[in-house]
Amino acid sequence: MALREEAWEAMTGLRAVRWFTDEPVPTREILKVLEAARWTGSARNRQPWRFVVVRDHTLQKRLSTLGGYAGHLATAPVVVLLAIDHGTGGEDAEFDAGRAVQNLMLAAHAVGLGSCPASFFPAPNAEQAGRLVDVEPPWKVRAAISLGYPAPAPKGTSAIPSGRLPLDHLVRWLGP
């Protein structure tokens, strides 16, 4: 039962981390989280994703300007971009990509890393992100995940609400 409890703790304890120490993330840890993402299920096992690992801080700073919530990419030791091929993945590509990001983030949490997703919107931002990392069609970069060892958040009030809505606000039961 211990493993199940650890899985429960990982799922309910995972939080977005936007502040990181300067400590470099060893390649072996990056490979672990990428391996977990690789094993994510996908519709018809299409695996419509590819990953680009960025450890160049100048490039990370440029990427951090390509979305309203991408600022954390500038200060992370590692950024992983997710490229999606809608032709391979079909209508399920975005859903499957989200599953891969969640697996990557859970694996990061399991090895002691913090992570936070960022979306590149609107579409011209996503196109620019793809150009910056040499991702060519049919692949499109839509998201990135910052990775690093968590640092304390700066003092002050966050603009981002914390906590979760109660389950009875989220679930509707039909039938007996």
Protein backbone atom coordinates (compact mmCIF):
# COMPACT_ATOMS: atom_id res chain seq x y z
CA MET A 1 0.00 0.00 0.00
CA ALA A 2 2.93 2.38 0.50
CA LEU A 3 3.35 2.92 -3.23
CA ARG A 4 -0.32 3.82 -3.61
CA GLU A 5 -0.02 6.30 -0.76
CA GLU A 6 3.07 7.81 -2.43
CA ALA A 7 1.17 8.13 -5.70
CA TRP A 8 -1.74 9.82 -3.90
CA GLU A 9 0.65 12.21 -2.16
CA ALA A 10 2.34 13.06 -5.47
CA MET A 11 -0.96 13.80 -7.21
CA THR A 12 -2.46 15.87 -4.41
CA GLY A 13 0.81 17.55 -3.46
CA LEU A 14 1.88 18.70 -6.93
CA ARG A 15 1.87 22.48 -7.16
CA ALA A 16 3.18 24.85 -9.79
CA VAL A 17 6.59 26.23 -8.83
CA ARG A 18 7.60 29.52 -10.42
CA TRP A 19 10.70 30.29 -8.34
CA PHE A 20 13.87 28.24 -8.56
CA THR A 21 17.33 28.10 -7.01
CA ASP A 22 20.38 28.55 -9.23
CA GLU A 23 21.38 24.91 -8.69
CA PRO A 24 21.81 23.14 -12.04
CA VAL A 25 19.56 20.19 -12.74
CA PRO A 26 21.62 17.08 -13.56
CA THR A 27 20.99 15.58 -16.98
CA ARG A 28 20.04 12.25 -15.36
CA GLU A 29 17.12 13.97 -13.58
CA ILE A 30 15.97 15.63 -16.80
CA LEU A 31 16.08 12.25 -18.54
CA LYS A 32 13.96 10.70 -15.77
CA VAL A 33 11.18 13.24 -16.21
CA LEU A 34 11.36 12.95 -20.00
CA GLU A 35 11.14 9.17 -19.72
CA ALA A 36 7.96 9.50 -17.65
CA ALA A 37 6.51 11.86 -20.25
CA ARG A 38 7.48 9.46 -23.04
CA TRP A 39 5.47 6.69 -21.38
CA THR A 40 2.28 8.77 -21.29
CA GLY A 41 -0.65 7.10 -22.98
CA SER A 42 -2.04 8.63 -26.14
CA ALA A 43 -4.96 7.92 -28.45
CA ARG A 44 -4.08 4.92 -30.61
CA ASN A 45 -0.53 5.19 -29.20
CA ARG A 46 0.21 7.98 -31.68
CA GLN A 47 2.57 9.81 -29.31
CA PRO A 48 2.03 13.16 -31.09
CA TRP A 49 4.69 14.98 -29.07
CA ARG A 50 8.35 15.83 -29.18
CA PHE A 51 10.39 17.56 -26.48
CA VAL A 52 13.03 20.28 -26.76
CA VAL A 53 15.23 20.82 -23.70
CA VAL A 54 16.52 24.38 -23.31
CA ARG A 55 19.35 25.23 -20.91
CA ASP A 56 20.38 28.46 -22.67
CA HIS A 57 19.33 31.38 -20.44
CA THR A 58 19.32 33.91 -23.28
CA LEU A 59 16.90 31.73 -25.22
CA GLN A 60 14.82 31.11 -22.11
CA LYS A 61 14.47 34.87 -21.58
CA ARG A 62 13.22 35.27 -25.15
CA LEU A 63 10.71 32.44 -24.66
CA SER A 64 9.50 34.01 -21.42
CA THR A 65 8.15 37.00 -23.36
CA LEU A 66 5.85 34.89 -25.54
CA GLY A 67 2.89 34.51 -23.22
CA GLY A 68 1.16 36.28 -20.40
CA TYR A 69 2.10 33.55 -17.94
CA ALA A 70 5.50 32.51 -19.34
CA GLY A 71 7.69 34.78 -17.21
CA HIS A 72 8.94 31.90 -15.03
CA LEU A 73 10.74 30.41 -18.04
CA ALA A 74 13.39 33.16 -17.78
CA THR A 75 14.69 32.07 -14.38
CA ALA A 76 14.34 28.30 -14.50
CA PRO A 77 17.49 26.19 -14.82
CA VAL A 78 15.74 24.09 -17.48
CA VAL A 79 12.84 24.64 -19.85
CA VAL A 80 11.22 21.76 -21.72
CA LEU A 81 9.16 22.73 -24.75
CA LEU A 82 6.45 20.45 -26.03
CA ALA A 83 5.89 20.27 -29.78
CA ILE A 84 2.70 18.70 -31.10
CA ASP A 85 1.87 17.25 -34.52
CA HIS A 86 -1.87 17.55 -35.05
CA GLY A 87 -1.62 15.47 -38.23
CA THR A 88 -0.27 12.52 -36.28
CA GLY A 89 -2.36 13.07 -33.17
CA GLY A 90 -5.59 14.13 -34.80
CA GLU A 91 -8.32 15.68 -32.67
CA ASP A 92 -6.74 14.10 -29.59
CA ALA A 93 -3.32 15.77 -29.96
CA GLU A 94 -3.92 18.63 -27.51
CA PHE A 95 -5.51 16.33 -24.93
CA ASP A 96 -2.67 13.83 -25.22
CA ALA A 97 -0.10 16.63 -24.95
CA GLY A 98 -1.72 17.75 -21.71
CA ARG A 99 -1.41 14.24 -20.39
CA ALA A 100 2.31 14.21 -21.27
CA VAL A 101 2.85 17.53 -19.49
CA GLN A 102 1.10 16.25 -16.37
CA ASN A 103 3.24 13.08 -16.36
CA LEU A 104 6.37 15.17 -16.79
CA MET A 105 5.36 17.43 -13.89
CA LEU A 106 4.49 14.50 -11.62
CA ALA A 107 7.84 12.87 -12.39
CA ALA A 108 9.62 16.15 -11.67
CA HIS A 109 7.83 16.34 -8.32
CA ALA A 110 8.82 12.73 -7.56
CA VAL A 111 12.54 13.51 -8.04
CA GLY A 112 12.39 16.72 -6.00
CA LEU A 113 12.10 19.24 -8.82
CA GLY A 114 9.58 22.02 -9.10
CA SER A 115 7.80 22.69 -12.38
CA CYS A 116 5.29 25.02 -13.95
CA PRO A 117 3.60 24.91 -17.36
CA ALA A 118 3.36 27.89 -19.71
CA SER A 119 1.26 28.26 -22.85
CA PHE A 120 2.37 30.26 -25.85
CA PHE A 121 -0.72 32.21 -26.87
CA PRO A 122 -1.87 33.79 -29.10
CA ALA A 123 -0.86 31.77 -32.16
CA PRO A 124 1.92 34.18 -33.31
CA ASN A 125 3.65 33.62 -29.95
CA ALA A 126 3.54 29.85 -30.48
CA GLU A 127 4.94 30.28 -33.99
CA GLN A 128 7.76 32.48 -32.66
CA ALA A 129 8.58 29.92 -29.95
CA GLY A 130 8.83 27.22 -32.60
CA ARG A 131 11.14 29.35 -34.74
CA LEU A 132 13.38 30.12 -31.75
CA VAL A 133 14.01 26.40 -31.12
CA ASP A 134 14.06 25.31 -34.79
CA VAL A 135 10.84 23.29 -34.63
CA GLU A 136 9.45 22.97 -38.12
CA PRO A 137 6.00 22.03 -39.45
CA PRO A 138 4.10 19.85 -39.00
CA TRP A 139 5.29 20.28 -35.39
CA LYS A 140 4.01 23.25 -33.36
CA VAL A 141 5.26 24.42 -30.00
CA ARG A 142 2.29 25.28 -27.80
CA ALA A 143 3.61 24.82 -24.28
CA ALA A 144 6.72 24.80 -22.12
CA ILE A 145 7.48 23.54 -18.63
CA SER A 146 10.02 25.20 -16.35
CA LEU A 147 12.06 22.82 -14.20
CA GLY A 148 14.38 23.37 -11.27
CA TYR A 149 14.88 23.04 -7.56
CA PRO A 150 12.19 25.04 -5.77
CA ALA A 151 13.08 28.32 -4.08
CA PRO A 152 10.85 30.24 -1.68
CA ALA A 153 8.38 32.52 -3.41
CA PRO A 154 9.01 36.23 -2.94
CA LYS A 155 7.24 37.86 -0.02
CA GLY A 156 3.94 39.53 -0.73
CA THR A 157 0.52 38.66 -2.00
CA SER A 158 0.21 36.45 -5.05
CA ALA A 159 -2.16 37.37 -7.85
CA ILE A 160 -2.81 33.66 -8.28
CA PRO A 161 -5.46 32.15 -5.98
CA SER A 162 -4.45 29.15 -3.91
CA GLY A 163 -6.39 26.14 -2.71
CA ARG A 164 -9.00 24.07 -4.50
CA LEU A 165 -12.74 24.29 -4.84
CA PRO A 166 -14.62 21.77 -2.68
CA LEU A 167 -15.48 18.53 -4.43
CA ASP A 168 -19.22 19.15 -4.06
CA HIS A 169 -18.78 22.31 -6.18
CA LEU A 170 -17.14 20.35 -8.98
CA VAL A 171 -19.09 17.08 -9.21
CA ARG A 172 -22.66 16.41 -10.22
CA TRP A 173 -24.06 12.90 -9.69
CA LEU A 174 -26.67 11.36 -12.00
CA GLY A 175 -28.41 8.11 -11.14
CA PRO A 176 -28.46 6.13 -7.90
